[in-house]
Amino acid sequence: MATTAPKVLGDMFHDMLKDVYYAEKQILKALPKMAKAAKSPELKKAFETHKAETEGHVERLSDVFEAIGKAPRAKTCDAILGILEEGKAVMEDYADSPALDAGLVASAQAVEHYEMTRYGTLKAWAQQLGHKDAVALLNETLAEETKTDKLLTQLGGPANMAAVAKAEAA
């Protein structure tokens, strides 16, 4: 009876990398729908800009896989599927609501926060594993995700105020 070696941090790093790779590809599919649903031109533009950035994140992740000597592969990420499903529900349930943009901002921030935790962890693990090239690539994406989150916070203020103002006027 053969025994397998226990999994190590390098295995977990690779698994989470596959998870994030899948997540980024799912986000790429969702962003055009979110841009189309958004009422505010600024929010539409933010989603379109983030789609282009996300394409870069997928490319960068391919480079991370290459840096650790692995082929880029995705592994189903139930967490991102759940977060994106919530965003889809917001678009359906609030399609004609003045609160739609506020809901879209909240949904997008849930995605960003998920990504920020994953990229932060992957960066820390890459440092511990001595993957210097991967650290730099992951850090670049983490910085972009953080910047997007801050932009969404700025866009959330007007979206929330517009939703309240329209509700009070009704």
C-alpha atoms as a PDB file:
ATOM      1  CA  MET A   1       0.000   0.000   0.000  1.00  0.00           C
ATOM      2  CA  ALA A   2       1.616   3.237  -1.172  1.00  0.00           C
ATOM      3  CA  THR A   3       1.445   6.250   1.048  1.00  0.00           C
ATOM      4  CA  THR A   4       1.294   9.710  -0.402  1.00  0.00           C
ATOM      5  CA  ALA A   5       3.293  12.550   1.036  1.00  0.00           C
ATOM      6  CA  PRO A   6       1.272  15.130   2.950  1.00  0.00           C
ATOM      7  CA  LYS A   7       0.440  18.243   0.988  1.00  0.00           C
ATOM      8  CA  VAL A   8       2.654  21.243   1.627  1.00  0.00           C
ATOM      9  CA  LEU A   9       2.343  25.028   1.279  1.00  0.00           C
ATOM     10  CA  GLY A  10       3.508  24.860  -2.347  1.00  0.00           C
ATOM     11  CA  ASP A  11       0.541  22.602  -3.125  1.00  0.00           C
ATOM     12  CA  MET A  12      -1.856  24.992  -1.414  1.00  0.00           C
ATOM     13  CA  PHE A  13      -0.310  27.939  -3.276  1.00  0.00           C
ATOM     14  CA  HIS A  14      -0.839  26.133  -6.590  1.00  0.00           C
ATOM     15  CA  ASP A  15      -4.439  25.199  -5.680  1.00  0.00           C
ATOM     16  CA  MET A  16      -5.311  28.786  -4.711  1.00  0.00           C
ATOM     17  CA  LEU A  17      -3.651  30.056  -7.873  1.00  0.00           C
ATOM     18  CA  LYS A  18      -5.939  27.777  -9.938  1.00  0.00           C
ATOM     19  CA  ASP A  19      -8.887  29.030  -7.881  1.00  0.00           C
ATOM     20  CA  VAL A  20      -8.091  32.711  -8.553  1.00  0.00           C
ATOM     21  CA  TYR A  21      -7.435  31.991 -12.227  1.00  0.00           C
ATOM     22  CA  TYR A  22     -10.948  30.551 -12.478  1.00  0.00           C
ATOM     23  CA  ALA A  23     -12.372  33.488 -10.515  1.00  0.00           C
ATOM     24  CA  GLU A  24     -10.776  36.082 -12.807  1.00  0.00           C
ATOM     25  CA  LYS A  25     -12.170  34.318 -15.884  1.00  0.00           C
ATOM     26  CA  GLN A  26     -15.667  34.301 -14.354  1.00  0.00           C
ATOM     27  CA  ILE A  27     -15.341  37.984 -13.453  1.00  0.00           C
ATOM     28  CA  LEU A  28     -14.420  38.717 -17.076  1.00  0.00           C
ATOM     29  CA  LYS A  29     -17.788  37.241 -18.115  1.00  0.00           C
ATOM     30  CA  ALA A  30     -19.733  39.206 -15.485  1.00  0.00           C
ATOM     31  CA  LEU A  31     -18.249  42.693 -15.973  1.00  0.00           C
ATOM     32  CA  PRO A  32     -19.877  43.452 -19.375  1.00  0.00           C
ATOM     33  CA  LYS A  33     -23.279  42.518 -17.904  1.00  0.00           C
ATOM     34  CA  MET A  34     -22.668  44.792 -14.930  1.00  0.00           C
ATOM     35  CA  ALA A  35     -21.552  47.632 -17.223  1.00  0.00           C
ATOM     36  CA  LYS A  36     -24.692  47.194 -19.335  1.00  0.00           C
ATOM     37  CA  ALA A  37     -26.934  47.207 -16.243  1.00  0.00           C
ATOM     38  CA  ALA A  38     -25.346  50.275 -14.599  1.00  0.00           C
ATOM     39  CA  LYS A  39     -27.298  53.533 -14.930  1.00  0.00           C
ATOM     40  CA  SER A  40     -24.468  55.939 -14.049  1.00  0.00           C
ATOM     41  CA  PRO A  41     -22.029  56.650 -16.904  1.00  0.00           C
ATOM     42  CA  GLU A  42     -19.162  56.730 -14.359  1.00  0.00           C
ATOM     43  CA  LEU A  43     -20.066  53.290 -13.024  1.00  0.00           C
ATOM     44  CA  LYS A  44     -20.413  51.893 -16.575  1.00  0.00           C
ATOM     45  CA  LYS A  45     -16.951  53.264 -17.380  1.00  0.00           C
ATOM     46  CA  ALA A  46     -15.497  51.802 -14.167  1.00  0.00           C
ATOM     47  CA  PHE A  47     -16.789  48.324 -15.070  1.00  0.00           C
ATOM     48  CA  GLU A  48     -15.448  48.641 -18.628  1.00  0.00           C
ATOM     49  CA  THR A  49     -12.050  49.802 -17.353  1.00  0.00           C
ATOM     50  CA  HIS A  50     -11.945  46.968 -14.848  1.00  0.00           C
ATOM     51  CA  LYS A  51     -12.699  44.458 -17.607  1.00  0.00           C
ATOM     52  CA  ALA A  52      -9.528  45.551 -19.411  1.00  0.00           C
ATOM     53  CA  GLU A  53      -7.585  45.331 -16.133  1.00  0.00           C
ATOM     54  CA  THR A  54      -9.027  41.877 -15.436  1.00  0.00           C
ATOM     55  CA  GLU A  55      -7.802  40.670 -18.833  1.00  0.00           C
ATOM     56  CA  GLY A  56      -4.365  41.795 -17.636  1.00  0.00           C
ATOM     57  CA  HIS A  57      -4.862  39.903 -14.366  1.00  0.00           C
ATOM     58  CA  VAL A  58      -5.527  36.682 -16.284  1.00  0.00           C
ATOM     59  CA  GLU A  59      -2.354  37.248 -18.335  1.00  0.00           C
ATOM     60  CA  ARG A  60      -0.369  38.014 -15.191  1.00  0.00           C
ATOM     61  CA  LEU A  61      -1.666  34.853 -13.519  1.00  0.00           C
ATOM     62  CA  SER A  62      -0.460  32.874 -16.556  1.00  0.00           C
ATOM     63  CA  ASP A  63       2.953  34.428 -15.905  1.00  0.00           C
ATOM     64  CA  VAL A  64       2.766  33.379 -12.234  1.00  0.00           C
ATOM     65  CA  PHE A  65       2.008  29.787 -13.262  1.00  0.00           C
ATOM     66  CA  GLU A  66       4.987  29.949 -15.632  1.00  0.00           C
ATOM     67  CA  ALA A  67       7.208  31.383 -12.875  1.00  0.00           C
ATOM     68  CA  ILE A  68       6.484  28.355 -10.669  1.00  0.00           C
ATOM     69  CA  GLY A  69       6.853  25.889 -13.554  1.00  0.00           C
ATOM     70  CA  LYS A  70       3.179  24.959 -13.872  1.00  0.00           C
ATOM     71  CA  ALA A  71       0.693  25.160 -16.721  1.00  0.00           C
ATOM     72  CA  PRO A  72      -2.113  27.714 -16.238  1.00  0.00           C
ATOM     73  CA  ARG A  73      -5.162  25.761 -15.105  1.00  0.00           C
ATOM     74  CA  ALA A  74      -8.420  26.778 -13.500  1.00  0.00           C
ATOM     75  CA  LYS A  75     -10.199  25.051 -10.624  1.00  0.00           C
ATOM     76  CA  THR A  76     -13.862  25.801  -9.934  1.00  0.00           C
ATOM     77  CA  CYS A  77     -14.177  28.455  -7.257  1.00  0.00           C
ATOM     78  CA  ASP A  78     -17.520  28.153  -5.486  1.00  0.00           C
ATOM     79  CA  ALA A  79     -16.885  31.362  -3.525  1.00  0.00           C
ATOM     80  CA  ILE A  80     -16.711  33.583  -6.613  1.00  0.00           C
ATOM     81  CA  LEU A  81     -19.669  31.791  -8.179  1.00  0.00           C
ATOM     82  CA  GLY A  82     -21.725  32.654  -5.088  1.00  0.00           C
ATOM     83  CA  ILE A  83     -20.590  36.290  -5.064  1.00  0.00           C
ATOM     84  CA  LEU A  84     -21.335  36.665  -8.787  1.00  0.00           C
ATOM     85  CA  GLU A  85     -24.716  34.981  -8.339  1.00  0.00           C
ATOM     86  CA  GLU A  86     -25.591  37.613  -5.735  1.00  0.00           C
ATOM     87  CA  GLY A  87     -24.624  40.316  -8.235  1.00  0.00           C
ATOM     88  CA  LYS A  88     -26.821  38.695 -10.869  1.00  0.00           C
ATOM     89  CA  ALA A  89     -29.732  38.693  -8.394  1.00  0.00           C
ATOM     90  CA  VAL A  90     -29.193  42.423  -7.753  1.00  0.00           C
ATOM     91  CA  MET A  91     -29.355  43.103 -11.501  1.00  0.00           C
ATOM     92  CA  GLU A  92     -32.569  41.074 -11.824  1.00  0.00           C
ATOM     93  CA  ASP A  93     -34.332  42.184  -8.629  1.00  0.00           C
ATOM     94  CA  TYR A  94     -33.444  45.883  -8.895  1.00  0.00           C
ATOM     95  CA  ALA A  95     -33.375  46.370 -12.680  1.00  0.00           C
ATOM     96  CA  ASP A  96     -35.906  49.220 -12.555  1.00  0.00           C
ATOM     97  CA  SER A  97     -34.881  50.537  -9.139  1.00  0.00           C
ATOM     98  CA  PRO A  98     -33.047  53.746  -8.308  1.00  0.00           C
ATOM     99  CA  ALA A  99     -31.036  51.526  -5.932  1.00  0.00           C
ATOM    100  CA  LEU A 100     -29.587  49.445  -8.803  1.00  0.00           C
ATOM    101  CA  ASP A 101     -26.243  51.259  -9.022  1.00  0.00           C
ATOM    102  CA  ALA A 102     -25.817  51.142  -5.238  1.00  0.00           C
ATOM    103  CA  GLY A 103     -26.382  47.375  -5.394  1.00  0.00           C
ATOM    104  CA  LEU A 104     -23.968  47.001  -8.303  1.00  0.00           C
ATOM    105  CA  VAL A 105     -21.279  48.884  -6.373  1.00  0.00           C
ATOM    106  CA  ALA A 106     -21.833  46.645  -3.341  1.00  0.00           C
ATOM    107  CA  SER A 107     -21.673  43.517  -5.507  1.00  0.00           C
ATOM    108  CA  ALA A 108     -18.511  44.691  -7.252  1.00  0.00           C
ATOM    109  CA  GLN A 109     -16.871  45.467  -3.914  1.00  0.00           C
ATOM    110  CA  ALA A 110     -17.667  41.965  -2.666  1.00  0.00           C
ATOM    111  CA  VAL A 111     -15.751  40.662  -5.698  1.00  0.00           C
ATOM    112  CA  GLU A 112     -12.849  43.061  -5.087  1.00  0.00           C
ATOM    113  CA  HIS A 113     -12.590  42.134  -1.418  1.00  0.00           C
ATOM    114  CA  TYR A 114     -12.537  38.439  -2.288  1.00  0.00           C
ATOM    115  CA  GLU A 115      -9.765  39.071  -4.818  1.00  0.00           C
ATOM    116  CA  MET A 116      -7.790  41.258  -2.419  1.00  0.00           C
ATOM    117  CA  THR A 117      -7.772  38.530   0.245  1.00  0.00           C
ATOM    118  CA  ARG A 118      -6.698  35.907  -2.259  1.00  0.00           C
ATOM    119  CA  TYR A 119      -3.958  38.003  -3.860  1.00  0.00           C
ATOM    120  CA  GLY A 120      -2.685  39.083  -0.439  1.00  0.00           C
ATOM    121  CA  THR A 121      -2.454  35.481   0.704  1.00  0.00           C
ATOM    122  CA  LEU A 122      -0.866  34.301  -2.544  1.00  0.00           C
ATOM    123  CA  LYS A 123       1.717  37.088  -2.321  1.00  0.00           C
ATOM    124  CA  ALA A 124       2.614  36.140   1.265  1.00  0.00           C
ATOM    125  CA  TRP A 125       2.899  32.463   0.352  1.00  0.00           C
ATOM    126  CA  ALA A 126       4.976  33.261  -2.754  1.00  0.00           C
ATOM    127  CA  GLN A 127       7.371  35.203  -0.499  1.00  0.00           C
ATOM    128  CA  GLN A 128       7.633  32.280   1.919  1.00  0.00           C
ATOM    129  CA  LEU A 129       8.180  29.849  -0.950  1.00  0.00           C
ATOM    130  CA  GLY A 130      10.874  32.028  -2.525  1.00  0.00           C
ATOM    131  CA  HIS A 131       8.950  32.739  -5.747  1.00  0.00           C
ATOM    132  CA  LYS A 132      10.304  36.280  -6.235  1.00  0.00           C
ATOM    133  CA  ASP A 133       8.906  36.705  -9.762  1.00  0.00           C
ATOM    134  CA  ALA A 134       5.477  35.586  -8.590  1.00  0.00           C
ATOM    135  CA  VAL A 135       5.589  38.031  -5.654  1.00  0.00           C
ATOM    136  CA  ALA A 136       6.096  40.993  -7.985  1.00  0.00           C
ATOM    137  CA  LEU A 137       3.319  39.876 -10.352  1.00  0.00           C
ATOM    138  CA  LEU A 138       0.854  39.212  -7.531  1.00  0.00           C
ATOM    139  CA  ASN A 139       1.705  42.509  -5.869  1.00  0.00           C
ATOM    140  CA  GLU A 140       0.952  44.369  -9.104  1.00  0.00           C
ATOM    141  CA  THR A 141      -2.500  42.794  -9.330  1.00  0.00           C
ATOM    142  CA  LEU A 142      -3.180  43.345  -5.620  1.00  0.00           C
ATOM    143  CA  ALA A 143      -2.416  47.053  -6.082  1.00  0.00           C
ATOM    144  CA  GLU A 144      -4.861  47.267  -9.016  1.00  0.00           C
ATOM    145  CA  GLU A 145      -7.607  45.463  -7.075  1.00  0.00           C
ATOM    146  CA  THR A 146      -7.110  47.836  -4.128  1.00  0.00           C
ATOM    147  CA  LYS A 147      -7.283  50.853  -6.452  1.00  0.00           C
ATOM    148  CA  THR A 148     -10.514  49.540  -8.010  1.00  0.00           C
ATOM    149  CA  ASP A 149     -12.012  49.025  -4.555  1.00  0.00           C
ATOM    150  CA  LYS A 150     -11.231  52.656  -3.654  1.00  0.00           C
ATOM    151  CA  LEU A 151     -12.806  53.862  -6.913  1.00  0.00           C
ATOM    152  CA  LEU A 152     -15.930  51.825  -6.166  1.00  0.00           C
ATOM    153  CA  THR A 153     -16.110  53.404  -2.708  1.00  0.00           C
ATOM    154  CA  GLN A 154     -16.022  56.849  -4.348  1.00  0.00           C
ATOM    155  CA  LEU A 155     -18.717  55.844  -6.861  1.00  0.00           C
ATOM    156  CA  GLY A 156     -20.799  54.288  -4.080  1.00  0.00           C
ATOM    157  CA  GLY A 157     -21.405  57.640  -2.371  1.00  0.00           C
ATOM    158  CA  PRO A 158     -23.264  59.256  -5.297  1.00  0.00           C
ATOM    159  CA  ALA A 159     -25.026  55.966  -6.138  1.00  0.00           C
ATOM    160  CA  ASN A 160     -26.312  55.657  -2.566  1.00  0.00           C
ATOM    161  CA  MET A 161     -27.371  59.304  -2.428  1.00  0.00           C
ATOM    162  CA  ALA A 162     -29.176  59.043  -5.779  1.00  0.00           C
ATOM    163  CA  ALA A 163     -31.063  55.969  -4.597  1.00  0.00           C
ATOM    164  CA  VAL A 164     -32.153  57.728  -1.385  1.00  0.00           C
ATOM    165  CA  ALA A 165     -33.124  60.947  -3.188  1.00  0.00           C
ATOM    166  CA  LYS A 166     -35.224  59.082  -5.763  1.00  0.00           C
ATOM    167  CA  ALA A 167     -36.887  57.011  -3.052  1.00  0.00           C
ATOM    168  CA  GLU A 168     -37.779  60.124  -1.028  1.00  0.00           C
ATOM    169  CA  ALA A 169     -39.170  61.873  -4.114  1.00  0.00           C
ATOM    170  CA  ALA A 170     -41.460  58.953  -4.886  1.00  0.00           C
END
